[in-house]
Protein backbone atom coordinates (compact mmCIF):
# COMPACT_ATOMS: atom_id res chain seq x y z
CA MET A 1 -53.52 11.83 -163.43
CA THR A 2 -56.78 10.34 -162.12
CA GLN A 3 -59.81 10.74 -164.50
CA THR A 4 -62.95 11.04 -162.57
CA SER A 5 -65.53 11.08 -165.52
CA GLY A 6 -68.25 8.58 -165.30
CA LEU A 7 -67.05 6.20 -168.33
CA TYR A 8 -63.35 6.60 -168.06
CA GLN A 9 -62.78 6.66 -164.23
CA ASN A 10 -59.36 5.30 -163.25
CA THR A 11 -59.89 1.59 -162.39
CA ASN A 12 -57.23 1.51 -159.64
CA ALA A 13 -59.84 2.19 -157.04
CA VAL A 14 -62.48 -0.20 -158.41
CA ALA A 15 -59.95 -3.16 -159.28
CA THR A 16 -59.92 -4.13 -155.50
CA ARG A 17 -63.66 -3.78 -154.96
CA PRO A 18 -65.33 -6.28 -157.66
CA ARG A 19 -68.10 -7.01 -155.23
CA GLU A 20 -69.09 -3.36 -154.62
CA LEU A 21 -68.87 -2.56 -158.58
CA ALA A 22 -71.03 -5.63 -159.12
CA GLN A 23 -73.61 -4.36 -156.79
CA ALA A 24 -73.50 -0.90 -158.41
CA ILE A 25 -74.02 -2.41 -161.80
CA LEU A 26 -77.00 -4.43 -160.55
CA ALA A 27 -78.52 -1.21 -159.23
CA ALA A 28 -78.41 0.28 -162.91
CA ASP A 29 -75.50 2.73 -162.02
CA ARG A 30 -74.34 3.70 -165.51
CA SER A 31 -71.13 5.22 -164.16
CA ALA A 32 -70.31 2.08 -162.52
CA LEU A 33 -71.23 0.14 -165.81
CA GLY A 34 -68.68 2.31 -167.49
CA ARG A 35 -66.04 1.76 -164.82
CA GLY A 36 -66.81 -2.09 -165.14
CA ILE A 37 -66.16 -2.11 -169.01
CA THR A 38 -62.95 0.00 -168.53
CA LEU A 39 -61.84 -2.72 -166.20
CA ILE A 40 -62.63 -5.30 -168.73
CA GLU A 41 -60.82 -3.54 -171.47
CA SER A 42 -57.76 -3.22 -169.22
CA THR A 43 -54.51 -5.07 -170.29
CA ARG A 44 -53.10 -4.81 -166.77
CA PRO A 45 -52.90 -8.53 -165.31
CA GLU A 46 -54.31 -7.29 -161.90
CA HIS A 47 -57.28 -5.73 -163.58
CA GLN A 48 -57.94 -8.77 -165.63
CA ARG A 49 -58.21 -10.88 -162.55
CA GLU A 50 -60.64 -8.35 -161.01
CA ALA A 51 -62.75 -8.37 -164.48
CA GLU A 52 -62.91 -12.24 -164.19
CA GLN A 53 -64.28 -11.94 -160.65
CA LEU A 54 -66.77 -9.23 -161.61
CA LEU A 55 -68.18 -11.41 -164.53
CA GLU A 56 -68.55 -14.35 -162.30
CA LEU A 57 -70.45 -12.18 -159.71
CA LEU A 58 -72.79 -10.93 -162.30
CA ASP A 59 -73.20 -14.27 -164.38
CA THR A 60 -76.56 -15.10 -163.06
CA HIS A 61 -77.99 -11.72 -163.99
CA THR A 62 -77.04 -11.94 -167.69
CA GLY A 63 -78.91 -13.30 -170.70
CA GLY A 64 -82.17 -11.24 -170.42
CA SER A 65 -81.51 -8.95 -173.32
CA MET A 66 -82.12 -9.14 -177.01
CA ARG A 67 -78.84 -9.11 -178.56
CA VAL A 68 -78.75 -7.40 -182.04
CA GLY A 69 -75.69 -6.93 -184.23
CA VAL A 70 -75.85 -4.16 -186.88
CA THR A 71 -73.26 -3.93 -189.88
CA GLY A 72 -73.29 -2.27 -193.15
CA LEU A 73 -71.42 -0.41 -195.95
CA PRO A 74 -69.57 2.65 -195.18
CA GLY A 75 -72.07 5.51 -195.57
CA ALA A 76 -74.96 3.42 -195.42
CA GLY A 77 -76.21 5.15 -192.23
CA LYS A 78 -75.73 2.48 -189.67
CA SER A 79 -75.08 5.04 -186.65
CA THR A 80 -78.14 7.16 -187.92
CA PHE A 81 -80.31 3.99 -188.07
CA ILE A 82 -79.21 2.92 -184.49
CA GLU A 83 -80.10 6.20 -183.10
CA ARG A 84 -83.42 6.20 -184.75
CA LEU A 85 -84.30 2.75 -183.62
CA GLY A 86 -82.79 3.31 -180.10
CA ALA A 87 -85.07 6.43 -179.66
CA MET A 88 -88.03 4.50 -180.83
CA LEU A 89 -87.16 1.72 -178.25
CA LEU A 90 -86.77 4.19 -175.42
CA ASP A 91 -90.13 5.69 -176.28
CA ASP A 92 -91.60 2.09 -176.03
CA GLY A 93 -90.30 1.75 -172.64
CA HIS A 94 -87.06 -0.37 -173.44
CA ARG A 95 -83.64 0.23 -171.88
CA VAL A 96 -81.08 0.28 -174.78
CA ALA A 97 -77.28 -0.29 -174.81
CA VAL A 98 -75.20 0.40 -177.72
CA LEU A 99 -71.65 -0.90 -178.14
CA ALA A 100 -70.25 0.94 -181.03
CA VAL A 101 -66.89 -0.57 -182.23
CA ASP A 102 -64.70 2.06 -183.86
CA PRO A 103 -61.75 1.55 -186.23
CA SER A 104 -58.48 1.97 -183.99
CA SER A 105 -55.10 3.02 -184.56
CA ASP A 106 -52.60 0.03 -184.76
CA VAL A 107 -49.92 2.32 -183.23
CA SER A 108 -51.99 3.81 -180.30
CA GLY A 109 -54.72 1.21 -179.92
CA GLY A 110 -57.07 4.27 -179.39
CA SER A 111 -60.38 4.90 -181.06
CA ILE A 112 -60.38 7.30 -184.00
CA LEU A 113 -63.94 8.26 -183.91
CA GLY A 114 -66.61 7.81 -181.15
CA ASP A 115 -70.15 7.07 -182.12
CA LYS A 116 -71.17 8.55 -178.74
CA THR A 117 -70.39 11.97 -180.31
CA ARG A 118 -73.05 11.30 -182.98
CA MET A 119 -75.85 9.61 -180.94
CA THR A 120 -76.91 12.78 -179.36
CA ARG A 121 -80.42 11.59 -178.21
CA LEU A 122 -79.30 8.16 -176.94
CA SER A 123 -76.19 9.31 -175.06
CA PRO A 124 -77.72 11.48 -172.52
CA ALA A 125 -80.99 9.44 -172.02
CA PRO A 126 -81.04 7.87 -168.45
CA THR A 127 -82.49 4.54 -169.94
CA ALA A 128 -79.78 4.33 -172.68
CA PHE A 129 -75.96 3.65 -172.54
CA VAL A 130 -73.63 4.20 -175.42
CA ARG A 131 -70.07 3.01 -175.33
CA PRO A 132 -67.61 3.30 -178.29
CA SER A 133 -65.11 0.35 -177.72
CA PRO A 134 -61.70 0.62 -179.42
CA ALA A 135 -61.05 -2.35 -181.73
CA ALA A 136 -57.36 -2.04 -181.11
CA GLY A 137 -56.43 -3.42 -184.58
CA GLU A 138 -57.92 -6.72 -183.92
CA LEU A 139 -59.30 -8.65 -186.84
CA GLY A 140 -63.01 -8.28 -187.02
CA GLY A 141 -63.04 -4.98 -184.88
CA VAL A 142 -65.10 -6.83 -182.22
CA ALA A 143 -63.81 -9.49 -179.72
CA ARG A 144 -64.00 -11.12 -176.38
CA LYS A 145 -64.23 -7.77 -174.39
CA THR A 146 -67.15 -6.60 -176.55
CA ARG A 147 -69.14 -9.90 -175.63
CA GLU A 148 -68.16 -9.34 -171.85
CA SER A 149 -69.10 -5.70 -172.05
CA MET A 150 -72.50 -6.91 -173.42
CA LEU A 151 -72.98 -9.25 -170.30
CA LEU A 152 -72.31 -6.35 -168.21
CA CYS A 153 -74.93 -4.30 -169.91
CA GLU A 154 -77.50 -7.13 -169.28
CA ALA A 155 -76.50 -7.21 -165.67
CA ALA A 156 -77.28 -3.57 -165.55
CA GLY A 157 -80.78 -4.11 -166.65
CA PHE A 158 -80.74 -3.16 -170.42
CA ASP A 159 -83.20 -5.45 -172.34
CA VAL A 160 -81.87 -4.40 -175.81
CA VAL A 161 -78.15 -4.58 -176.50
CA ILE A 162 -76.96 -3.38 -180.09
CA VAL A 163 -73.67 -4.07 -181.18
CA GLU A 164 -72.37 -1.95 -184.30
CA THR A 165 -69.45 -3.15 -186.46
CA VAL A 166 -66.85 -1.25 -188.01
CA GLY A 167 -67.99 -2.07 -191.54
CA VAL A 168 -68.85 -5.11 -193.81
CA GLY A 169 -65.89 -7.58 -194.34
CA GLN A 170 -64.36 -6.99 -191.12
CA SER A 171 -66.26 -8.17 -188.20
CA GLU A 172 -69.63 -9.70 -189.28
CA THR A 173 -68.68 -13.34 -188.31
CA THR A 174 -67.54 -12.18 -184.89
CA VAL A 175 -70.66 -10.22 -184.15
CA ALA A 176 -72.90 -12.98 -185.34
CA ALA A 177 -71.11 -15.25 -182.80
CA MET A 178 -72.40 -13.11 -179.95
CA THR A 179 -75.72 -11.81 -180.99
CA ASP A 180 -79.25 -13.28 -181.39
CA PHE A 181 -80.26 -11.44 -184.66
CA PHE A 182 -77.81 -9.87 -187.10
CA LEU A 183 -78.92 -6.91 -189.30
CA ALA A 184 -77.21 -5.51 -192.50
CA ILE A 185 -77.72 -1.98 -193.52
CA LEU A 186 -77.30 -1.22 -197.26
CA ILE A 187 -78.17 1.69 -199.49
CA GLY A 188 -79.86 1.61 -202.91
CA GLY A 189 -78.30 3.30 -206.01
CA ALA A 190 -74.92 2.05 -205.31
CA GLY A 191 -74.55 -0.25 -208.51
CA ASP A 192 -74.68 -3.96 -207.75
CA GLU A 193 -75.92 -4.35 -204.02
CA LEU A 194 -73.88 -7.46 -203.62
CA GLN A 195 -70.51 -5.81 -204.65
CA GLY A 196 -68.17 -5.56 -201.70
CA ILE A 197 -70.34 -7.85 -199.61
CA LYS A 198 -68.87 -11.13 -198.76
CA ARG A 199 -70.99 -14.38 -199.43
CA GLY A 200 -70.23 -15.20 -195.76
CA LEU A 201 -72.26 -12.10 -194.64
CA ILE A 202 -75.25 -12.92 -196.87
CA GLU A 203 -75.28 -16.48 -195.49
CA THR A 204 -75.02 -15.07 -191.72
CA VAL A 205 -77.33 -12.08 -191.79
CA ASP A 206 -81.12 -12.45 -190.59
CA LEU A 207 -82.30 -9.41 -192.19
CA ILE A 208 -81.23 -6.69 -194.83
CA ALA A 209 -82.55 -3.25 -194.51
CA ILE A 210 -82.18 -0.85 -197.62
CA ASN A 211 -81.65 2.58 -196.08
CA LYS A 212 -82.14 6.12 -197.44
CA VAL A 213 -85.60 5.59 -198.89
CA ASP A 214 -86.23 9.11 -199.17
CA GLY A 215 -85.96 11.91 -201.64
CA ASP A 216 -84.40 10.83 -205.07
CA GLY A 217 -83.19 7.50 -203.59
CA GLU A 218 -86.48 6.12 -202.98
CA THR A 219 -87.21 4.47 -206.16
CA ARG A 220 -83.53 3.06 -206.56
CA ALA A 221 -83.73 1.68 -203.05
CA LYS A 222 -87.01 -0.08 -203.64
CA GLN A 223 -85.78 -1.50 -206.82
CA ALA A 224 -82.40 -2.77 -205.11
CA ALA A 225 -84.80 -4.46 -202.26
CA GLY A 226 -86.68 -6.42 -204.84
CA GLU A 227 -83.55 -7.55 -206.52
CA LEU A 228 -81.93 -8.67 -203.12
CA ALA A 229 -84.91 -10.36 -201.93
CA ALA A 230 -85.05 -12.48 -205.14
CA THR A 231 -81.38 -13.22 -204.64
CA MET A 232 -81.45 -14.08 -200.91
CA ARG A 233 -83.68 -17.12 -201.66
CA PHE A 234 -80.96 -18.81 -203.77
CA ILE A 235 -77.71 -18.06 -201.91
CA THR A 236 -78.53 -18.20 -198.22
CA LYS A 237 -77.75 -21.49 -196.54
CA ARG A 238 -79.32 -21.86 -193.03
CA ASN A 239 -80.05 -24.72 -190.75
CA ASP A 240 -83.66 -23.42 -190.17
CA ASP A 241 -86.53 -22.40 -192.65
CA TRP A 242 -85.73 -18.54 -192.07
CA ILE A 243 -85.47 -16.53 -195.27
CA PRO A 244 -83.84 -13.20 -194.40
CA PRO A 245 -86.29 -10.47 -195.54
CA VAL A 246 -85.27 -7.44 -197.22
CA LEU A 247 -86.95 -4.40 -196.03
CA THR A 248 -86.64 -0.55 -196.79
CA CYS A 249 -86.32 2.29 -194.38
CA SER A 250 -85.25 5.84 -193.94
CA ALA A 251 -83.19 6.29 -190.73
CA ARG A 252 -83.47 10.00 -191.29
CA THR A 253 -87.30 10.28 -191.27
CA GLY A 254 -88.00 6.95 -189.39
CA ALA A 255 -90.01 5.45 -192.09
CA GLY A 256 -89.84 1.58 -192.06
CA VAL A 257 -87.91 1.36 -188.76
CA ARG A 258 -90.91 0.22 -186.87
CA ASP A 259 -91.44 -2.59 -189.36
CA ILE A 260 -87.86 -3.64 -189.23
CA TRP A 261 -87.88 -3.87 -185.33
CA THR A 262 -91.04 -5.96 -185.53
CA ASN A 263 -89.29 -8.34 -187.71
CA VAL A 264 -86.37 -8.44 -185.14
CA ALA A 265 -88.57 -8.92 -182.06
CA GLU A 266 -90.86 -11.68 -183.51
CA ARG A 267 -87.83 -13.73 -184.80
CA ILE A 268 -86.03 -13.48 -181.51
CA GLN A 269 -89.29 -14.35 -179.62
CA SER A 270 -89.89 -17.33 -182.06
CA LEU A 271 -86.26 -18.61 -181.28
CA ARG A 272 -86.85 -18.22 -177.59
CA SER A 273 -90.10 -20.04 -177.44
CA SER A 274 -88.57 -22.99 -179.53
CA GLY A 275 -85.67 -23.39 -177.46
CA GLN A 276 -83.50 -22.51 -180.19
CA LEU A 277 -82.21 -19.30 -178.76
CA ARG A 278 -80.87 -21.20 -175.71
CA GLU A 279 -79.05 -23.62 -177.90
CA ARG A 280 -77.78 -20.76 -180.15
CA ARG A 281 -76.27 -18.98 -177.15
CA LEU A 282 -74.79 -22.14 -175.61
CA ALA A 283 -73.12 -22.86 -179.02
CA GLN A 284 -71.78 -19.45 -179.09
CA ALA A 285 -70.45 -19.57 -175.46
CA THR A 286 -68.45 -22.72 -176.35
CA LYS A 287 -67.00 -21.08 -179.41
CA TRP A 288 -65.71 -18.21 -177.24
CA ILE A 289 -63.53 -20.70 -175.36
CA ASP A 290 -60.85 -20.81 -177.97
CA GLN A 291 -60.85 -16.77 -178.15
CA ILE A 292 -60.49 -16.61 -174.41
CA VAL A 293 -57.51 -19.17 -174.62
CA ARG A 294 -55.78 -17.16 -177.27
CA ASP A 295 -56.33 -14.11 -175.40
CA ARG A 296 -54.84 -15.33 -172.09
CA LEU A 297 -51.84 -16.77 -174.03
CA ALA A 298 -51.25 -13.45 -175.82
CA SER A 299 -51.55 -11.70 -172.50
CA LEU A 300 -49.00 -13.99 -170.79
CA VAL A 301 -46.64 -13.21 -173.68
CA ARG A 302 -46.88 -9.59 -173.13
CA SER A 303 -46.86 -9.55 -169.33
CA ASP A 304 -44.22 -12.18 -168.47
CA PRO A 305 -40.73 -10.54 -168.39
CA GLU A 306 -38.96 -13.78 -169.22
CA THR A 307 -41.17 -14.52 -172.19
CA ALA A 308 -41.00 -10.73 -173.48
CA ARG A 309 -37.15 -11.05 -173.18
CA ILE A 310 -37.01 -14.07 -175.26
CA ARG A 311 -39.54 -12.66 -177.77
CA ALA A 312 -37.38 -9.56 -178.09
CA ALA A 313 -34.43 -11.71 -178.72
CA CYS A 314 -36.29 -13.87 -181.33
CA GLU A 315 -37.41 -10.68 -183.19
CA GLN A 316 -33.73 -9.59 -183.38
CA LEU A 317 -32.63 -13.08 -184.66
CA VAL A 318 -35.32 -12.95 -187.28
CA ARG A 319 -34.50 -9.51 -188.46
CA ASP A 320 -30.69 -10.75 -188.86
CA GLY A 321 -31.76 -13.79 -190.78
CA ALA A 322 -30.46 -16.20 -187.93
CA ILE A 323 -33.70 -17.97 -187.49
CA THR A 324 -37.08 -18.19 -189.28
CA THR A 325 -40.35 -16.72 -188.01
CA ALA A 326 -41.56 -20.21 -187.60
CA GLU A 327 -38.60 -21.13 -185.37
CA ALA A 328 -39.15 -17.93 -183.32
CA GLY A 329 -42.96 -18.81 -182.93
CA ARG A 330 -42.00 -22.13 -181.55
CA LEU A 331 -39.30 -20.72 -179.19
CA ILE A 332 -41.56 -18.17 -177.70
CA THR A 333 -44.51 -20.83 -177.39
CA GLN A 334 -42.13 -23.32 -175.73
CA THR A 335 -40.98 -20.57 -173.33
CA LEU A 336 -44.46 -19.89 -172.31
CA ILE A 337 -45.54 -23.53 -171.85
CA HIS A 338 -42.43 -24.43 -169.60
CA ARG A 339 -42.34 -21.28 -167.42
CA ASP A 340 -42.93 -21.18 -163.71
CA ILE A 341 -44.93 -17.85 -163.94
CA ASP A 342 -45.46 -16.27 -160.71
CA GLY A 343 -44.67 -19.19 -158.78
CA ARG A 344 -47.68 -21.12 -160.02
CA GLY A 345 -45.72 -24.07 -161.19
CA LEU A 346 -47.10 -24.35 -164.83
CA GLY A 347 -46.29 -27.80 -166.05
CA MET A 348 -43.80 -30.37 -164.84
CA ILE A 349 -40.81 -28.70 -165.97
CA ARG A 350 -41.11 -25.63 -163.71
CA ALA A 351 -38.41 -23.67 -165.67
CA LYS A 352 -37.04 -20.60 -164.07
CA GLY A 353 -36.22 -18.98 -167.30
CA VAL A 354 -34.44 -19.60 -170.67
CA ASN A 355 -30.87 -20.73 -170.08
CA HIS A 356 -29.83 -20.49 -173.93
CA ILE A 357 -30.85 -21.09 -177.37
CA GLY A 358 -28.82 -23.62 -179.27
CA ILE A 359 -27.77 -23.19 -183.05
CA ALA A 360 -26.29 -25.74 -185.05
CA VAL A 361 -23.49 -24.72 -187.50
CA ARG A 362 -20.93 -26.48 -189.70
CA SER A 363 -17.99 -24.01 -188.55
CA LEU A 364 -17.65 -21.78 -185.52
CA ALA A 365 -15.02 -19.78 -187.30
CA ASP A 366 -17.37 -19.10 -190.38
CA GLN A 367 -20.12 -17.72 -188.07
CA ARG A 368 -18.17 -15.41 -185.87
CA ALA A 369 -18.36 -12.42 -188.19
CA PHE A 370 -22.01 -12.77 -188.44
CA TYR A 371 -22.92 -13.25 -184.64
CA GLU A 372 -20.31 -10.69 -183.54
CA THR A 373 -20.36 -7.98 -186.17
CA THR A 374 -23.70 -8.26 -187.83
CA LEU A 375 -25.77 -9.31 -184.88
CA GLY A 376 -23.80 -7.56 -182.29
CA ALA A 377 -23.61 -10.56 -179.66
CA VAL A 378 -20.73 -10.63 -177.21
CA PHE A 379 -18.38 -13.75 -177.44
CA GLU A 380 -17.96 -15.29 -174.04
CA GLY A 381 -15.74 -18.22 -174.98
CA GLU A 382 -15.52 -21.83 -176.24
CA GLU A 383 -15.74 -25.16 -174.82
CA GLU A 384 -15.43 -28.78 -176.06
CA VAL A 385 -17.90 -31.43 -174.74
CA THR A 386 -16.03 -34.61 -175.69
CA GLU A 387 -18.98 -36.84 -174.43
CA GLN A 388 -21.28 -35.21 -177.03
CA GLY A 389 -18.68 -34.74 -179.78
CA VAL A 390 -19.42 -31.02 -179.95
CA ARG A 391 -17.38 -27.75 -179.68
CA VAL A 392 -19.60 -24.94 -178.30
CA ALA A 393 -19.24 -21.26 -178.62
CA PHE A 394 -21.06 -18.86 -176.08
CA TYR A 395 -22.57 -15.50 -177.00
CA ARG A 396 -24.55 -13.16 -174.95
CA LEU A 397 -27.19 -11.04 -176.65
CA GLY A 398 -29.15 -8.18 -175.17
CA PRO A 399 -28.44 -6.13 -171.86
CA GLU A 400 -25.96 -7.45 -169.53
CA GLY A 401 -28.49 -7.60 -166.68
CA ALA A 402 -31.00 -9.72 -168.64
CA PRO A 403 -29.22 -11.31 -171.53
CA VAL A 404 -30.43 -14.04 -173.98
CA ARG A 405 -27.47 -16.58 -174.30
CA LEU A 406 -26.84 -18.30 -177.47
CA GLU A 407 -24.79 -21.51 -178.02
CA LEU A 408 -23.27 -22.20 -181.36
CA LEU A 409 -22.72 -26.02 -181.71
CA GLU A 410 -20.03 -27.25 -184.00
CA PRO A 411 -19.70 -31.17 -184.53
CA MET A 412 -16.29 -32.54 -183.67
CA ARG A 413 -16.84 -35.84 -185.47
CA ASP A 414 -19.20 -37.14 -188.19
CA ASP A 415 -20.97 -39.31 -185.79
CA SER A 416 -21.92 -36.78 -183.30
CA PRO A 417 -25.58 -35.92 -182.64
CA ILE A 418 -25.00 -32.38 -184.06
CA ALA A 419 -23.27 -33.62 -187.27
CA LYS A 420 -26.38 -35.81 -187.84
CA PHE A 421 -28.90 -33.05 -187.11
CA ILE A 422 -26.92 -30.78 -189.75
CA GLU A 423 -26.94 -33.60 -192.23
CA LYS A 424 -30.61 -34.06 -191.96
CA LYS A 425 -31.92 -30.52 -191.45
CA GLY A 426 -29.05 -28.38 -192.08
CA GLU A 427 -27.74 -25.33 -190.14
CA GLY A 428 -30.15 -23.40 -187.80
CA LEU A 429 -32.03 -23.64 -184.54
CA HIS A 430 -31.24 -26.86 -182.73
CA HIS A 431 -32.77 -26.63 -179.28
CA VAL A 432 -34.02 -24.18 -176.58
CA ALA A 433 -32.55 -24.68 -172.90
CA TYR A 434 -34.56 -23.87 -169.68
CA THR A 435 -32.81 -23.42 -166.27
CA VAL A 436 -34.34 -25.95 -163.71
CA ASP A 437 -33.57 -26.77 -160.15
CA ASP A 438 -32.95 -30.42 -159.16
CA ILE A 439 -33.05 -31.68 -162.87
CA ALA A 440 -33.01 -35.42 -161.68
CA SER A 441 -36.57 -34.88 -160.03
CA ARG A 442 -37.76 -32.89 -163.08
CA LEU A 443 -36.67 -35.80 -165.44
CA ALA A 444 -38.29 -38.37 -162.95
CA GLU A 445 -41.57 -36.28 -162.92
CA LEU A 446 -41.70 -36.10 -166.69
CA LYS A 447 -41.22 -39.80 -166.96
CA SER A 448 -43.77 -40.58 -164.61
CA GLY A 449 -46.10 -38.31 -166.56
CA ASN A 450 -45.48 -40.28 -169.79
CA VAL A 451 -43.55 -37.53 -171.38
CA ARG A 452 -41.24 -38.78 -174.04
CA LEU A 453 -37.57 -38.34 -173.06
CA ILE A 454 -34.13 -38.68 -174.76
CA ASP A 455 -32.47 -38.69 -171.30
CA GLU A 456 -34.12 -40.10 -168.19
CA THR A 457 -31.22 -39.34 -166.01
CA PRO A 458 -29.04 -36.08 -166.20
CA ARG A 459 -25.66 -36.10 -168.14
CA ALA A 460 -22.77 -33.55 -168.30
CA GLY A 461 -23.06 -30.36 -170.15
CA ALA A 462 -20.98 -27.31 -170.74
CA HIS A 463 -19.62 -25.30 -167.68
CA GLY A 464 -20.18 -28.33 -165.50
CA ALA A 465 -23.89 -28.18 -165.85
CA LYS A 466 -26.26 -31.05 -165.53
CA ILE A 467 -28.48 -31.51 -168.63
CA GLY A 468 -31.19 -33.79 -170.07
CA PHE A 469 -33.25 -33.57 -173.25
CA LEU A 470 -36.90 -34.20 -174.04
CA HIS A 471 -37.80 -35.69 -177.35
CA PRO A 472 -38.77 -33.21 -180.04
CA LYS A 473 -42.03 -34.81 -180.45
CA ALA A 474 -42.78 -34.22 -176.71
CA SER A 475 -42.58 -30.20 -177.40
CA MET A 476 -44.03 -29.44 -180.82
CA GLY A 477 -41.16 -30.31 -182.65
CA VAL A 478 -38.49 -28.37 -180.67
CA LEU A 479 -35.67 -30.11 -179.11
CA THR A 480 -36.11 -29.13 -175.33
CA GLU A 481 -32.96 -29.18 -172.92
CA LEU A 482 -33.23 -28.98 -169.07
CA CYS A 483 -30.08 -27.35 -167.39
CA GLU A 484 -29.31 -27.23 -163.95
CA PRO A 485 -26.25 -24.89 -163.71
CA ALA A 486 -23.06 -25.87 -161.69
CA HIS A 487 -23.28 -22.82 -159.51
């Protein structure tokens, strides 16, 4: 079913038109902005590619906003404060975007509660944009997609972008890494005001606002502000001379909100004038490179059928105690590194897929009950490879149309490579083998690329295959076999 609402319009139509979408965003079309963010949040590979194009088209139009992060204890009134602050900024002539990150279900990945439903004044305002973005169980609640959404908001002409976090202790470091000013909202009368607040937050925050200075809470809030102000001078560690002020406010009545914004705006302007803001943003951008790499690799693991197949098999092997989680992680990583995904020729191996996983055992007979009865693998026969001094049992795991094959390796003599492996490391994961075409050319290319090899030329393997091994030190400690099948 196709959704046509402004924020959640189906992205199939826009995915093929990043240029038109970019033009609409630059024209301050809020509906187009919502669709652009939906595109960024999509996990579909084709949408991710279109999102990259969209960001490239808009890159020169970003960076013009004041980026403000807001965090705080549950119940401190973050959303009420943001609504009050945003309304004030709208009255001052600003265009305000709020990216409110909600806790999400680890099962569904969906947002449990949307701040958009609570910000009743900001949401409908033509010069405001409120977007609840699911955290999808990700540590910190805010990630790369929120940062990219912020860039789209800037391109759409919003000169103040506020990022609200899920709560203290979960996302303050991430938010600080994407904003110019980081604000914490606390409340008085909650005992020790530092209880439940990580030291890392205190060392990162640029200002603390004690909220709910109204009614019976006014005296307690002002007392808490005084105590915190004294404490901040001793525990903050910054590279500049900025001592985060501690101010009081009432988000309900608006008292003190103007004073807080004045501090925020003056601080950002000071950083801009001195050139520190530019340096800060450049440093932030370089830190996000690692996050982008992690996200892309995770996306490939999810989207590449071969890698997903190996991951499913590894999960089964871990559950049954056949391999460790560390071994499973290495197998999946190596599969991804050596795969020829979508014909793009990743790496010099250009693997067509995983041929099999090799497991060293002392006795094939002793292992049959586990692999056939406990694991449910299908026995496909045995073969002796005299050259290597090894007896091999072949098993098929998973659906017949797309199985993962296991090779159990039993030493036939004490001086065989498998016997030496078991003597040194014990039974367990021995190697992962990848199917390749023209193994001789693959080994020659690896040698010319200074990749450490055990075999520089192919040798005979089981089933008449040609095989060759890379040294474990060339592939993260995993012995890697290349296999050119006989047929």
